[in-house]
C-alpha atoms as a PDB file:
ATOM      1  CA  MET A   1      64.166 109.316 118.217  1.00  0.00           C
ATOM      2  CA  ASP A   2      60.785 110.837 117.349  1.00  0.00           C
ATOM      3  CA  ASP A   3      62.492 113.431 115.126  1.00  0.00           C
ATOM      4  CA  ALA A   4      64.293 110.703 113.169  1.00  0.00           C
ATOM      5  CA  ILE A   5      61.017 108.854 112.635  1.00  0.00           C
ATOM      6  CA  ALA A   6      59.251 112.039 111.558  1.00  0.00           C
ATOM      7  CA  GLN A   7      62.014 112.828 109.047  1.00  0.00           C
ATOM      8  CA  ALA A   8      61.786 109.331 107.552  1.00  0.00           C
ATOM      9  CA  GLN A   9      58.118 109.819 106.697  1.00  0.00           C
ATOM     10  CA  PRO A  10      57.485 111.007 103.132  1.00  0.00           C
ATOM     11  CA  LYS A  11      55.738 114.305 102.657  1.00  0.00           C
ATOM     12  CA  SER A  12      51.962 114.137 102.324  1.00  0.00           C
ATOM     13  CA  ASP A  13      49.548 115.914 100.024  1.00  0.00           C
ATOM     14  CA  LYS A  14      49.052 118.501 102.804  1.00  0.00           C
ATOM     15  CA  ASP A  15      52.823 119.144 102.844  1.00  0.00           C
ATOM     16  CA  LEU A  16      52.738 119.546  99.068  1.00  0.00           C
ATOM     17  CA  TYR A  17      49.883 122.069  99.229  1.00  0.00           C
ATOM     18  CA  ALA A  18      51.691 124.018 101.964  1.00  0.00           C
ATOM     19  CA  THR A  19      54.847 124.110  99.831  1.00  0.00           C
ATOM     20  CA  LEU A  20      52.907 125.349  96.795  1.00  0.00           C
ATOM     21  CA  ASP A  21      51.089 127.935  98.925  1.00  0.00           C
ATOM     22  CA  GLY A  22      54.406 129.098 100.390  1.00  0.00           C
ATOM     23  CA  MET A  23      55.716 129.623  96.868  1.00  0.00           C
ATOM     24  CA  GLY A  24      52.605 131.587  95.882  1.00  0.00           C
ATOM     25  CA  ILE A  25      51.624 128.908  93.364  1.00  0.00           C
ATOM     26  CA  ALA A  26      47.924 128.610  92.586  1.00  0.00           C
ATOM     27  CA  HIS A  27      46.602 125.053  92.543  1.00  0.00           C
ATOM     28  CA  THR A  28      43.291 123.251  92.786  1.00  0.00           C
ATOM     29  CA  THR A  29      42.642 119.679  93.798  1.00  0.00           C
ATOM     30  CA  ARG A  30      39.662 117.553  92.941  1.00  0.00           C
ATOM     31  CA  GLU A  31      38.917 114.425  94.961  1.00  0.00           C
ATOM     32  CA  HIS A  32      37.732 111.330  93.061  1.00  0.00           C
ATOM     33  CA  PRO A  33      37.723 107.546  93.398  1.00  0.00           C
ATOM     34  CA  ALA A  34      41.209 106.028  93.339  1.00  0.00           C
ATOM     35  CA  VAL A  35      42.562 105.467  89.822  1.00  0.00           C
ATOM     36  CA  PHE A  36      45.493 103.231  89.001  1.00  0.00           C
ATOM     37  CA  THR A  37      45.815 103.574  85.235  1.00  0.00           C
ATOM     38  CA  VAL A  38      45.482 106.245  82.579  1.00  0.00           C
ATOM     39  CA  SER A  39      42.412 104.505  81.165  1.00  0.00           C
ATOM     40  CA  GLU A  40      40.682 104.603  84.571  1.00  0.00           C
ATOM     41  CA  SER A  41      41.449 108.288  84.940  1.00  0.00           C
ATOM     42  CA  GLN A  42      40.157 109.242  81.487  1.00  0.00           C
ATOM     43  CA  ALA A  43      36.592 109.274  82.814  1.00  0.00           C
ATOM     44  CA  LEU A  44      37.539 112.489  84.634  1.00  0.00           C
ATOM     45  CA  ARG A  45      38.661 114.426  81.528  1.00  0.00           C
ATOM     46  CA  ASP A  46      35.435 116.372  81.064  1.00  0.00           C
ATOM     47  CA  GLU A  47      35.513 117.446  84.703  1.00  0.00           C
ATOM     48  CA  ILE A  48      39.181 118.471  84.904  1.00  0.00           C
ATOM     49  CA  PRO A  49      40.523 120.593  82.014  1.00  0.00           C
ATOM     50  CA  GLY A  50      44.183 120.735  80.992  1.00  0.00           C
ATOM     51  CA  GLY A  51      46.939 118.272  80.176  1.00  0.00           C
ATOM     52  CA  HIS A  52      46.752 114.942  81.976  1.00  0.00           C
ATOM     53  CA  THR A  53      49.841 112.947  82.823  1.00  0.00           C
ATOM     54  CA  LYS A  54      51.251 109.474  82.512  1.00  0.00           C
ATOM     55  CA  ASN A  55      54.186 108.922  84.854  1.00  0.00           C
ATOM     56  CA  LEU A  56      56.914 106.319  84.499  1.00  0.00           C
ATOM     57  CA  PHE A  57      59.465 105.578  87.229  1.00  0.00           C
ATOM     58  CA  LEU A  58      62.442 104.114  85.393  1.00  0.00           C
ATOM     59  CA  LYS A  59      65.884 102.765  86.267  1.00  0.00           C
ATOM     60  CA  ASP A  60      68.871 102.258  83.991  1.00  0.00           C
ATOM     61  CA  LYS A  61      71.566  99.571  84.093  1.00  0.00           C
ATOM     62  CA  LYS A  62      73.843 101.767  86.242  1.00  0.00           C
ATOM     63  CA  GLY A  63      71.180 102.282  88.943  1.00  0.00           C
ATOM     64  CA  ASN A  64      70.172 105.798  87.872  1.00  0.00           C
ATOM     65  CA  PHE A  65      66.510 106.671  88.347  1.00  0.00           C
ATOM     66  CA  PHE A  66      64.268 108.737  86.074  1.00  0.00           C
ATOM     67  CA  LEU A  67      60.759 110.084  86.509  1.00  0.00           C
ATOM     68  CA  VAL A  68      59.208 110.557  83.089  1.00  0.00           C
ATOM     69  CA  THR A  69      56.033 112.635  83.009  1.00  0.00           C
ATOM     70  CA  ALA A  70      54.315 112.512  79.632  1.00  0.00           C
ATOM     71  CA  GLN A  71      51.037 113.452  78.016  1.00  0.00           C
ATOM     72  CA  GLU A  72      48.596 110.711  79.054  1.00  0.00           C
ATOM     73  CA  ASP A  73      48.213 109.359  75.517  1.00  0.00           C
ATOM     74  CA  ALA A  74      51.924 109.499  74.623  1.00  0.00           C
ATOM     75  CA  GLU A  75      53.333 106.248  73.322  1.00  0.00           C
ATOM     76  CA  VAL A  76      56.644 105.951  75.132  1.00  0.00           C
ATOM     77  CA  ASN A  77      59.085 103.548  73.486  1.00  0.00           C
ATOM     78  CA  LEU A  78      60.834 101.922  76.443  1.00  0.00           C
ATOM     79  CA  LYS A  79      63.381 100.292  74.144  1.00  0.00           C
ATOM     80  CA  ALA A  80      64.554 103.651  72.828  1.00  0.00           C
ATOM     81  CA  ILE A  81      63.775 106.206  75.548  1.00  0.00           C
ATOM     82  CA  HIS A  82      67.247 105.824  77.089  1.00  0.00           C
ATOM     83  CA  THR A  83      68.682 107.616  74.054  1.00  0.00           C
ATOM     84  CA  VAL A  84      66.736 110.821  74.778  1.00  0.00           C
ATOM     85  CA  ILE A  85      66.748 110.931  78.597  1.00  0.00           C
ATOM     86  CA  GLY A  86      70.460 110.376  79.210  1.00  0.00           C
ATOM     87  CA  ALA A  87      70.173 106.895  80.673  1.00  0.00           C
ATOM     88  CA  LYS A  88      73.119 104.495  80.635  1.00  0.00           C
ATOM     89  CA  GLY A  89      71.727 101.698  78.516  1.00  0.00           C
ATOM     90  CA  ARG A  90      68.166 100.508  78.351  1.00  0.00           C
ATOM     91  CA  VAL A  91      65.740 101.241  81.151  1.00  0.00           C
ATOM     92  CA  SER A  92      63.243  99.166  83.072  1.00  0.00           C
ATOM     93  CA  PHE A  93      60.494 100.061  85.502  1.00  0.00           C
ATOM     94  CA  GLY A  94      61.741 100.909  88.976  1.00  0.00           C
ATOM     95  CA  LYS A  95      60.620  98.656  91.814  1.00  0.00           C
ATOM     96  CA  PRO A  96      58.100  99.761  94.486  1.00  0.00           C
ATOM     97  CA  GLU A  97      60.740  99.976  97.253  1.00  0.00           C
ATOM     98  CA  PRO A  98      62.947 102.649  95.625  1.00  0.00           C
ATOM     99  CA  LEU A  99      59.790 104.389  94.392  1.00  0.00           C
ATOM    100  CA  MET A 100      58.665 104.814  97.992  1.00  0.00           C
ATOM    101  CA  GLU A 101      62.187 105.557  99.251  1.00  0.00           C
ATOM    102  CA  LEU A 102      62.914 108.242  96.639  1.00  0.00           C
ATOM    103  CA  LEU A 103      59.528 109.746  95.732  1.00  0.00           C
ATOM    104  CA  GLY A 104      57.396 108.785  98.750  1.00  0.00           C
ATOM    105  CA  VAL A 105      54.622 107.216  96.674  1.00  0.00           C
ATOM    106  CA  VAL A 106      53.312 103.762  95.820  1.00  0.00           C
ATOM    107  CA  PRO A 107      52.672 102.373  92.325  1.00  0.00           C
ATOM    108  CA  GLY A 108      49.536 103.996  90.902  1.00  0.00           C
ATOM    109  CA  SER A 109      50.321 107.303  92.614  1.00  0.00           C
ATOM    110  CA  VAL A 110      53.470 108.264  90.680  1.00  0.00           C
ATOM    111  CA  THR A 111      53.533 111.997  90.047  1.00  0.00           C
ATOM    112  CA  PRO A 112      55.984 114.791  89.264  1.00  0.00           C
ATOM    113  CA  PHE A 113      55.094 116.183  92.695  1.00  0.00           C
ATOM    114  CA  GLY A 114      56.923 113.180  94.180  1.00  0.00           C
ATOM    115  CA  VAL A 115      60.266 114.940  93.739  1.00  0.00           C
ATOM    116  CA  ILE A 116      59.367 116.897  96.876  1.00  0.00           C
ATOM    117  CA  ASN A 117      60.538 113.747  98.696  1.00  0.00           C
ATOM    118  CA  ASP A 118      63.766 113.309  96.688  1.00  0.00           C
ATOM    119  CA  THR A 119      65.874 115.609  98.822  1.00  0.00           C
ATOM    120  CA  GLN A 120      69.144 114.145  97.505  1.00  0.00           C
ATOM    121  CA  GLN A 121      68.146 114.631  93.835  1.00  0.00           C
ATOM    122  CA  ARG A 122      68.704 110.972  92.982  1.00  0.00           C
ATOM    123  CA  VAL A 123      65.874 111.018  90.417  1.00  0.00           C
ATOM    124  CA  SER A 124      66.233 112.819  87.085  1.00  0.00           C
ATOM    125  CA  MET A 125      63.024 114.584  86.054  1.00  0.00           C
ATOM    126  CA  VAL A 126      61.965 114.281  82.403  1.00  0.00           C
ATOM    127  CA  LEU A 127      58.958 116.085  80.901  1.00  0.00           C
ATOM    128  CA  ASP A 128      57.311 115.367  77.566  1.00  0.00           C
ATOM    129  CA  GLU A 129      57.357 118.502  75.405  1.00  0.00           C
ATOM    130  CA  SER A 130      53.823 117.788  74.116  1.00  0.00           C
ATOM    131  CA  LEU A 131      52.517 117.865  77.710  1.00  0.00           C
ATOM    132  CA  MET A 132      54.210 121.222  78.197  1.00  0.00           C
ATOM    133  CA  LYS A 133      52.050 122.774  75.471  1.00  0.00           C
ATOM    134  CA  HIS A 134      49.153 122.823  77.961  1.00  0.00           C
ATOM    135  CA  ASP A 135      48.670 125.874  80.177  1.00  0.00           C
ATOM    136  CA  ILE A 136      47.388 123.638  82.995  1.00  0.00           C
ATOM    137  CA  ILE A 137      49.001 120.325  84.006  1.00  0.00           C
ATOM    138  CA  ASN A 138      47.124 117.747  86.097  1.00  0.00           C
ATOM    139  CA  ALA A 139      48.831 115.180  88.329  1.00  0.00           C
ATOM    140  CA  HIS A 140      48.222 113.170  91.479  1.00  0.00           C
ATOM    141  CA  PRO A 141      49.035 115.040  94.707  1.00  0.00           C
ATOM    142  CA  LEU A 142      51.127 112.121  96.086  1.00  0.00           C
ATOM    143  CA  ARG A 143      48.005 109.914  96.224  1.00  0.00           C
ATOM    144  CA  ASN A 144      45.792 108.509  93.475  1.00  0.00           C
ATOM    145  CA  ASP A 145      42.358 109.507  94.738  1.00  0.00           C
ATOM    146  CA  ALA A 146      42.742 113.157  93.774  1.00  0.00           C
ATOM    147  CA  THR A 147      44.048 115.277  90.914  1.00  0.00           C
ATOM    148  CA  THR A 148      45.868 118.563  91.410  1.00  0.00           C
ATOM    149  CA  SER A 149      45.846 121.165  88.645  1.00  0.00           C
ATOM    150  CA  ILE A 150      48.749 123.605  88.387  1.00  0.00           C
ATOM    151  CA  GLY A 151      49.977 126.055  85.777  1.00  0.00           C
ATOM    152  CA  ARG A 152      52.708 124.740  83.475  1.00  0.00           C
ATOM    153  CA  ASP A 153      55.177 127.469  84.435  1.00  0.00           C
ATOM    154  CA  ASP A 154      54.370 126.987  88.122  1.00  0.00           C
ATOM    155  CA  LEU A 155      55.052 123.259  87.797  1.00  0.00           C
ATOM    156  CA  LEU A 156      58.456 124.076  86.336  1.00  0.00           C
ATOM    157  CA  ARG A 157      59.122 126.524  89.175  1.00  0.00           C
ATOM    158  CA  PHE A 158      58.117 123.896  91.755  1.00  0.00           C
ATOM    159  CA  LEU A 159      60.339 121.232  90.187  1.00  0.00           C
ATOM    160  CA  GLU A 160      63.322 123.559  90.069  1.00  0.00           C
ATOM    161  CA  SER A 161      62.757 124.590  93.704  1.00  0.00           C
ATOM    162  CA  THR A 162      63.270 120.941  94.701  1.00  0.00           C
ATOM    163  CA  GLY A 163      66.570 120.787  92.803  1.00  0.00           C
ATOM    164  CA  HIS A 164      65.034 118.908  89.851  1.00  0.00           C
ATOM    165  CA  LYS A 165      65.569 121.019  86.731  1.00  0.00           C
ATOM    166  CA  PRO A 166      63.600 118.963  84.224  1.00  0.00           C
ATOM    167  CA  LEU A 167      64.835 117.737  80.887  1.00  0.00           C
ATOM    168  CA  ILE A 168      62.093 118.516  78.338  1.00  0.00           C
ATOM    169  CA  VAL A 169      62.126 116.159  75.363  1.00  0.00           C
ATOM    170  CA  ALA A 170      59.858 114.833  72.614  1.00  0.00           C
ATOM    171  CA  LEU A 171      58.711 111.410  73.756  1.00  0.00           C
ATOM    172  CA  GLY A 172      55.955 110.392  71.390  1.00  0.00           C
END
């Protein structure tokens, strides 16, 4: 019974760091007060170099889920994004329950690192091509009171290791 309970728990930031370390991926994490929006996190820009992310957990009409990670200032057109990410019809924001079930995070902590918890690959990973122009990508490490910096190519390697080969598209 204890094993079943342990398996049901989403991976933590410590699990993420151990996974990255095991893959030989360099990463740094900076602790800071919890941030819930891009505008709140912009105060940290001078302290943390690189590309900063905006993350959208979306669901289409057929129940398919998408994690869209974009440059923080990208203007994502929710009425049209389905045409570039392969969604079946228009998308809406996913609810907190499937967000926790699939990515192991709560609203405000959405991150590309969340796919570490999507062991059945139910979420399609989408990256904004403008974000991918940065050598360093910054995202929450499964919680919103820290920012983890990782190399762009290492982020891609991490995503692919979880079975989430990202679709890279122009979003804004």
